[in-house]
PDB file of N, CA and C in Angstrom:
ATOM      1  N   UNK A   1     117.060-195.261 -37.808  1.00  0.00           N
ATOM      2  CA  UNK A   1     117.590-195.205 -36.406  1.00  0.00           C
ATOM      3  C   UNK A   1     118.173-196.232 -36.934  1.00  0.00           C
ATOM      4  N   UNK A   2     119.553-196.543 -35.645  1.00  0.00           N
ATOM      5  CA  UNK A   2     120.560-197.462 -35.545  1.00  0.00           C
ATOM      6  C   UNK A   2     119.832-198.835 -35.067  1.00  0.00           C
ATOM      7  N   UNK A   3     121.316-199.720 -35.078  1.00  0.00           N
ATOM      8  CA  UNK A   3     120.635-200.802 -34.733  1.00  0.00           C
ATOM      9  C   UNK A   3     120.932-201.306 -32.669  1.00  0.00           C
ATOM     10  N   UNK A   4     121.468-199.802 -32.260  1.00  0.00           N
ATOM     11  CA  UNK A   4     121.357-199.636 -30.430  1.00  0.00           C
ATOM     12  C   UNK A   4     121.067-198.468 -29.650  1.00  0.00           C
ATOM     13  N   UNK A   5     119.525-197.554 -31.061  1.00  0.00           N
ATOM     14  CA  UNK A   5     118.507-196.673 -30.624  1.00  0.00           C
ATOM     15  C   UNK A   5     117.909-197.245 -29.685  1.00  0.00           C
ATOM     16  N   UNK A   6     117.354-199.038 -29.980  1.00  0.00           N
ATOM     17  CA  UNK A   6     116.203-198.946 -28.341  1.00  0.00           C
ATOM     18  C   UNK A   6     116.886-199.231 -27.283  1.00  0.00           C
ATOM     19  N   UNK A   7     118.273-199.924 -27.299  1.00  0.00           N
ATOM     20  CA  UNK A   7     118.524-200.309 -25.902  1.00  0.00           C
ATOM     21  C   UNK A   7     119.277-198.680 -25.516  1.00  0.00           C
ATOM     22  N   UNK A   8     119.303-197.706 -26.531  1.00  0.00           N
ATOM     23  CA  UNK A   8     119.916-196.503 -25.373  1.00  0.00           C
ATOM     24  C   UNK A   8     118.682-195.890 -24.879  1.00  0.00           C
ATOM     25  N   UNK A   9     117.427-195.608 -24.851  1.00  0.00           N
ATOM     26  CA  UNK A   9     116.291-195.339 -24.455  1.00  0.00           C
ATOM     27  C   UNK A   9     116.060-196.492 -22.811  1.00  0.00           C
ATOM     28  N   UNK A  10     116.559-197.805 -23.157  1.00  0.00           N
ATOM     29  CA  UNK A  10     116.143-199.204 -21.861  1.00  0.00           C
ATOM     30  C   UNK A  10     116.309-198.386 -20.786  1.00  0.00           C
ATOM     31  N   UNK A  11     115.653-198.736 -20.281  1.00  0.00           N
ATOM     32  CA  UNK A  11     116.091-198.317 -18.240  1.00  0.00           C
ATOM     33  C   UNK A  11     117.325-199.411 -18.030  1.00  0.00           C
ATOM     34  N   UNK A  12     118.095-198.425 -17.225  1.00  0.00           N
ATOM     35  CA  UNK A  12     119.039-199.163 -16.438  1.00  0.00           C
ATOM     36  C   UNK A  12     119.101-200.035 -16.137  1.00  0.00           C
ATOM     37  N   UNK A  13     118.340-201.519 -15.928  1.00  0.00           N
ATOM     38  CA  UNK A  13     118.189-202.269 -15.506  1.00  0.00           C
ATOM     39  C   UNK A  13     118.419-203.375 -16.367  1.00  0.00           C
ATOM     40  N   UNK A  14     117.573-203.194 -17.288  1.00  0.00           N
ATOM     41  CA  UNK A  14     117.967-203.706 -19.078  1.00  0.00           C
ATOM     42  C   UNK A  14     118.901-204.047 -19.511  1.00  0.00           C
ATOM     43  N   UNK A  15     119.510-202.687 -19.398  1.00  0.00           N
ATOM     44  CA  UNK A  15     120.997-202.295 -20.056  1.00  0.00           C
ATOM     45  C   UNK A  15     121.852-203.164 -19.027  1.00  0.00           C
ATOM     46  N   UNK A  16     122.168-203.488 -17.822  1.00  0.00           N
ATOM     47  CA  UNK A  16     122.832-203.892 -16.973  1.00  0.00           C
ATOM     48  C   UNK A  16     122.478-205.118 -16.656  1.00  0.00           C
ATOM     49  N   UNK A  17     121.382-205.849 -16.960  1.00  0.00           N
ATOM     50  CA  UNK A  17     121.281-207.325 -17.320  1.00  0.00           C
ATOM     51  C   UNK A  17     121.920-207.901 -18.594  1.00  0.00           C
ATOM     52  N   UNK A  18     121.592-206.957 -19.828  1.00  0.00           N
ATOM     53  CA  UNK A  18     122.698-207.123 -20.690  1.00  0.00           C
ATOM     54  C   UNK A  18     124.220-207.232 -21.132  1.00  0.00           C
ATOM     55  N   UNK A  19     124.102-206.140 -20.356  1.00  0.00           N
ATOM     56  CA  UNK A  19     125.796-206.303 -20.031  1.00  0.00           C
ATOM     57  C   UNK A  19     126.477-207.120 -18.991  1.00  0.00           C
ATOM     58  N   UNK A  20     125.664-207.645 -18.255  1.00  0.00           N
ATOM     59  CA  UNK A  20     126.163-208.846 -17.363  1.00  0.00           C
ATOM     60  C   UNK A  20     126.552-209.986 -18.019  1.00  0.00           C
ATOM     61  N   UNK A  21     125.559-210.163 -19.124  1.00  0.00           N
ATOM     62  CA  UNK A  21     125.281-211.547 -19.883  1.00  0.00           C
ATOM     63  C   UNK A  21     126.386-211.418 -21.021  1.00  0.00           C
ATOM     64  N   UNK A  22     126.859-209.903 -21.666  1.00  0.00           N
ATOM     65  CA  UNK A  22     127.600-209.994 -22.552  1.00  0.00           C
ATOM     66  C   UNK A  22     129.282-210.355 -21.994  1.00  0.00           C
ATOM     67  N   UNK A  23     129.156-210.334 -20.699  1.00  0.00           N
ATOM     68  CA  UNK A  23     130.774-210.255 -20.053  1.00  0.00           C
ATOM     69  C   UNK A  23     130.883-211.887 -20.167  1.00  0.00           C
ATOM     70  N   UNK A  24     129.722-212.723 -19.664  1.00  0.00           N
ATOM     71  CA  UNK A  24     129.832-214.531 -19.393  1.00  0.00           C
ATOM     72  C   UNK A  24     129.136-214.445 -18.470  1.00  0.00           C
ATOM     73  N   UNK A  25     128.830-213.356 -17.609  1.00  0.00           N
ATOM     74  CA  UNK A  25     127.479-213.902 -16.216  1.00  0.00           C
ATOM     75  C   UNK A  25     126.477-214.707 -16.819  1.00  0.00           C
ATOM     76  N   UNK A  26     126.129-215.882 -15.698  1.00  0.00           N
ATOM     77  CA  UNK A  26     125.211-216.643 -16.262  1.00  0.00           C
ATOM     78  C   UNK A  26     124.023-216.084 -15.472  1.00  0.00           C
ATOM     79  N   UNK A  27     122.686-216.669 -16.170  1.00  0.00           N
ATOM     80  CA  UNK A  27     121.611-216.187 -15.738  1.00  0.00           C
ATOM     81  C   UNK A  27     121.721-215.917 -13.773  1.00  0.00           C
ATOM     82  N   UNK A  28     121.687-216.894 -13.500  1.00  0.00           N
ATOM     83  CA  UNK A  28     121.845-217.199 -11.898  1.00  0.00           C
ATOM     84  C   UNK A  28     123.004-215.937 -11.186  1.00  0.00           C
ATOM     85  N   UNK A  29     123.849-215.725 -12.029  1.00  0.00           N
ATOM     86  CA  UNK A  29     125.118-214.931 -11.131  1.00  0.00           C
ATOM     87  C   UNK A  29     124.720-213.072 -11.543  1.00  0.00           C
ATOM     88  N   UNK A  30     123.659-212.600 -12.561  1.00  0.00           N
ATOM     89  CA  UNK A  30     123.003-211.990 -12.837  1.00  0.00           C
ATOM     90  C   UNK A  30     122.024-211.100 -11.645  1.00  0.00           C
ATOM     91  N   UNK A  31     121.098-212.716 -11.780  1.00  0.00           N
ATOM     92  CA  UNK A  31     119.987-212.522 -10.665  1.00  0.00           C
ATOM     93  C   UNK A  31     120.022-212.164  -8.889  1.00  0.00           C
ATOM     94  N   UNK A  32     121.756-213.295  -8.819  1.00  0.00           N
ATOM     95  CA  UNK A  32     122.143-212.261  -8.038  1.00  0.00           C
ATOM     96  C   UNK A  32     122.301-211.018  -7.888  1.00  0.00           C
ATOM     97  N   UNK A  33     122.901-210.482  -8.231  1.00  0.00           N
ATOM     98  CA  UNK A  33     123.477-209.273  -8.451  1.00  0.00           C
ATOM     99  C   UNK A  33     122.500-208.002  -8.233  1.00  0.00           C
ATOM    100  N   UNK A  34     121.022-208.581  -9.140  1.00  0.00           N
ATOM    101  CA  UNK A  34     120.223-207.541  -9.136  1.00  0.00           C
ATOM    102  C   UNK A  34     119.040-207.904  -8.820  1.00  0.00           C
ATOM    103  N   UNK A  35     118.860-209.209  -7.591  1.00  0.00           N
ATOM    104  CA  UNK A  35     118.110-209.447  -7.571  1.00  0.00           C
ATOM    105  C   UNK A  35     116.294-210.147  -7.923  1.00  0.00           C
ATOM    106  N   UNK A  36     117.405-211.161  -8.581  1.00  0.00           N
ATOM    107  CA  UNK A  36     116.181-211.460  -9.615  1.00  0.00           C
ATOM    108  C   UNK A  36     116.227-212.784  -9.751  1.00  0.00           C
ATOM    109  N   UNK A  37     114.778-213.825 -10.255  1.00  0.00           N
ATOM    110  CA  UNK A  37     115.631-214.875  -9.941  1.00  0.00           C
ATOM    111  C   UNK A  37     115.837-215.701 -11.520  1.00  0.00           C
ATOM    112  N   UNK A  38     116.830-216.304 -11.659  1.00  0.00           N
ATOM    113  CA  UNK A  38     117.396-216.547 -12.931  1.00  0.00           C
ATOM    114  C   UNK A  38     116.911-216.989 -14.272  1.00  0.00           C
ATOM    115  N   UNK A  39     115.141-217.255 -13.923  1.00  0.00           N
ATOM    116  CA  UNK A  39     114.052-217.320 -15.056  1.00  0.00           C
ATOM    117  C   UNK A  39     114.014-216.072 -15.493  1.00  0.00           C
ATOM    118  N   UNK A  40     113.661-215.301 -14.330  1.00  0.00           N
ATOM    119  CA  UNK A  40     113.473-213.732 -15.223  1.00  0.00           C
ATOM    120  C   UNK A  40     114.193-213.108 -15.417  1.00  0.00           C
ATOM    121  N   UNK A  41     115.663-213.289 -15.457  1.00  0.00           N
ATOM    122  CA  UNK A  41     116.988-213.201 -15.996  1.00  0.00           C
ATOM    123  C   UNK A  41     116.542-213.238 -17.463  1.00  0.00           C
ATOM    124  N   UNK A  42     116.483-214.489 -17.651  1.00  0.00           N
ATOM    125  CA  UNK A  42     116.232-215.140 -18.932  1.00  0.00           C
ATOM    126  C   UNK A  42     115.138-214.462 -19.584  1.00  0.00           C
ATOM    127  N   UNK A  43     114.262-214.445 -19.491  1.00  0.00           N
ATOM    128  CA  UNK A  43     112.949-213.711 -19.367  1.00  0.00           C
ATOM    129  C   UNK A  43     113.305-212.118 -20.115  1.00  0.00           C
ATOM    130  N   UNK A  44     113.989-211.641 -19.527  1.00  0.00           N
ATOM    131  CA  UNK A  44     114.255-209.672 -19.861  1.00  0.00           C
ATOM    132  C   UNK A  44     115.169-210.367 -20.581  1.00  0.00           C
ATOM    133  N   UNK A  45     116.556-211.546 -21.095  1.00  0.00           N
ATOM    134  CA  UNK A  45     117.598-211.323 -22.125  1.00  0.00           C
ATOM    135  C   UNK A  45     116.845-211.497 -23.619  1.00  0.00           C
ATOM    136  N   UNK A  46     115.854-212.404 -23.430  1.00  0.00           N
ATOM    137  CA  UNK A  46     115.142-213.053 -24.785  1.00  0.00           C
ATOM    138  C   UNK A  46     114.469-211.578 -25.464  1.00  0.00           C
ATOM    139  N   UNK A  47     113.878-211.158 -24.159  1.00  0.00           N
ATOM    140  CA  UNK A  47     112.995-209.659 -25.111  1.00  0.00           C
ATOM    141  C   UNK A  47     114.199-208.491 -25.439  1.00  0.00           C
ATOM    142  N   UNK A  48     115.279-208.317 -25.024  1.00  0.00           N
ATOM    143  CA  UNK A  48     115.984-207.704 -25.240  1.00  0.00           C
ATOM    144  C   UNK A  48     117.020-207.915 -26.342  1.00  0.00           C
ATOM    145  N   UNK A  49     116.686-209.514 -26.788  1.00  0.00           N
ATOM    146  CA  UNK A  49     117.982-209.691 -28.195  1.00  0.00           C
ATOM    147  C   UNK A  49     117.196-208.966 -28.756  1.00  0.00           C
ATOM    148  N   UNK A  50     115.971-208.734 -29.730  1.00  0.00           N
ATOM    149  CA  UNK A  50     115.599-208.593 -30.705  1.00  0.00           C
ATOM    150  C   UNK A  50     115.352-206.952 -31.295  1.00  0.00           C
ATOM    151  N   UNK A  51     116.130-206.185 -30.230  1.00  0.00           N
ATOM    152  CA  UNK A  51     116.030-204.884 -29.684  1.00  0.00           C
ATOM    153  C   UNK A  51     117.760-204.280 -30.362  1.00  0.00           C
ATOM    154  N   UNK A  52     118.671-205.645 -29.615  1.00  0.00           N
ATOM    155  CA  UNK A  52     119.994-205.172 -30.320  1.00  0.00           C
ATOM    156  C   UNK A  52     120.501-206.508 -31.574  1.00  0.00           C
ATOM    157  N   UNK A  53     118.904-206.720 -32.419  1.00  0.00           N
ATOM    158  CA  UNK A  53     119.508-207.288 -33.481  1.00  0.00           C
ATOM    159  C   UNK A  53     120.133-208.319 -32.924  1.00  0.00           C
ATOM    160  N   UNK A  54     120.861-209.369 -31.860  1.00  0.00           N
ATOM    161  CA  UNK A  54     121.105-210.573 -31.833  1.00  0.00           C
ATOM    162  C   UNK A  54     119.982-211.583 -31.420  1.00  0.00           C
ATOM    163  N   UNK A  55     121.011-213.210 -31.269  1.00  0.00           N
ATOM    164  CA  UNK A  55     119.420-213.878 -31.268  1.00  0.00           C
ATOM    165  C   UNK A  55     119.850-215.024 -30.083  1.00  0.00           C
ATOM    166  N   UNK A  56     121.548-214.361 -29.431  1.00  0.00           N
ATOM    167  CA  UNK A  56     122.295-215.537 -28.421  1.00  0.00           C
ATOM    168  C   UNK A  56     122.892-214.447 -27.526  1.00  0.00           C
ATOM    169  N   UNK A  57     123.226-215.023 -26.369  1.00  0.00           N
ATOM    170  CA  UNK A  57     123.566-214.641 -25.428  1.00  0.00           C
ATOM    171  C   UNK A  57     125.439-214.364 -26.437  1.00  0.00           C
ATOM    172  N   UNK A  58     126.175-215.272 -27.074  1.00  0.00           N
ATOM    173  CA  UNK A  58     127.303-214.924 -28.144  1.00  0.00           C
ATOM    174  C   UNK A  58     126.932-213.739 -28.582  1.00  0.00           C
ATOM    175  N   UNK A  59     125.583-213.634 -29.541  1.00  0.00           N
ATOM    176  CA  UNK A  59     125.706-212.252 -30.028  1.00  0.00           C
ATOM    177  C   UNK A  59     125.628-210.859 -29.528  1.00  0.00           C
ATOM    178  N   UNK A  60     125.407-211.018 -27.727  1.00  0.00           N
ATOM    179  CA  UNK A  60     125.630-209.889 -27.250  1.00  0.00           C
ATOM    180  C   UNK A  60     127.220-209.713 -26.735  1.00  0.00           C
ATOM    181  N   UNK A  61     128.262-210.712 -26.224  1.00  0.00           N
ATOM    182  CA  UNK A  61     129.141-210.718 -26.283  1.00  0.00           C
ATOM    183  C   UNK A  61     130.481-210.032 -27.873  1.00  0.00           C
ATOM    184  N   UNK A  62     129.321-210.318 -28.492  1.00  0.00           N
ATOM    185  CA  UNK A  62     130.176-209.006 -29.743  1.00  0.00           C
ATOM    186  C   UNK A  62     129.699-207.704 -29.945  1.00  0.00           C
ATOM    187  N   UNK A  63     129.397-207.749 -28.746  1.00  0.00           N
ATOM    188  CA  UNK A  63     128.395-205.862 -28.903  1.00  0.00           C
ATOM    189  C   UNK A  63     129.434-205.078 -27.952  1.00  0.00           C
ATOM    190  N   UNK A  64     130.178-204.321 -28.156  1.00  0.00           N
ATOM    191  CA  UNK A  64     131.066-203.173 -27.705  1.00  0.00           C
ATOM    192  C   UNK A  64     130.060-201.812 -26.676  1.00  0.00           C
ATOM    193  N   UNK A  65     129.450-202.748 -25.523  1.00  0.00           N
ATOM    194  CA  UNK A  65     128.454-201.621 -25.117  1.00  0.00           C
ATOM    195  C   UNK A  65     128.405-200.110 -24.668  1.00  0.00           C
ATOM    196  N   UNK A  66     130.184-199.752 -24.792  1.00  0.00           N
ATOM    197  CA  UNK A  66     130.757-198.600 -24.245  1.00  0.00           C
ATOM    198  C   UNK A  66     130.550-197.540 -25.587  1.00  0.00           C
ATOM    199  N   UNK A  67     130.798-198.403 -26.295  1.00  0.00           N
ATOM    200  CA  UNK A  67     130.916-197.055 -27.918  1.00  0.00           C
ATOM    201  C   UNK A  67     129.518-197.546 -28.487  1.00  0.00           C
ATOM    202  N   UNK A  68     128.769-198.601 -27.465  1.00  0.00           N
ATOM    203  CA  UNK A  68     127.145-198.934 -28.641  1.00  0.00           C
ATOM    204  C   UNK A  68     127.417-199.161 -30.209  1.00  0.00           C
ATOM    205  N   UNK A  69     128.958-200.206 -30.568  1.00  0.00           N
ATOM    206  CA  UNK A  69     128.321-200.487 -31.681  1.00  0.00           C
ATOM    207  C   UNK A  69     129.092-202.211 -31.642  1.00  0.00           C
ATOM    208  N   UNK A  70     129.148-202.844 -32.517  1.00  0.00           N
ATOM    209  CA  UNK A  70     129.233-204.141 -32.570  1.00  0.00           C
ATOM    210  C   UNK A  70     130.863-203.960 -32.516  1.00  0.00           C
ATOM    211  N   UNK A  71     131.653-204.946 -31.543  1.00  0.00           N
ATOM    212  CA  UNK A  71     133.050-205.024 -31.497  1.00  0.00           C
ATOM    213  C   UNK A  71     133.448-205.173 -32.813  1.00  0.00           C
ATOM    214  N   UNK A  72     135.025-204.262 -32.894  1.00  0.00           N
ATOM    215  CA  UNK A  72     135.653-204.195 -34.062  1.00  0.00           C
ATOM    216  C   UNK A  72     134.810-203.321 -35.170  1.00  0.00           C
ATOM    217  N   UNK A  73     134.395-202.040 -34.865  1.00  0.00           N
ATOM    218  CA  UNK A  73     134.083-201.476 -35.482  1.00  0.00           C
ATOM    219  C   UNK A  73     133.036-201.226 -36.492  1.00  0.00           C
ATOM    220  N   UNK A  74     131.799-202.229 -36.188  1.00  0.00           N
ATOM    221  CA  UNK A  74     131.096-202.130 -37.628  1.00  0.00           C
ATOM    222  C   UNK A  74     129.473-201.073 -36.973  1.00  0.00           C
TER     223      UNK A  74
END
């Protein structure tokens, strides 16, 4: 099973949070768009990192969510 298999089955909201974070949006900005507190957004991102095999927001930025593989073809 690939690195992104867990995310493929994720609820829409979880994908939305991680994709927004990957674009550089802050927890506050993400929360405002999804009607969540910044702290809740941070918690959800923390829980999503292991599913994607990353340990930080910078790791999210390296993911090509459209094609579901690390940017650059990996």
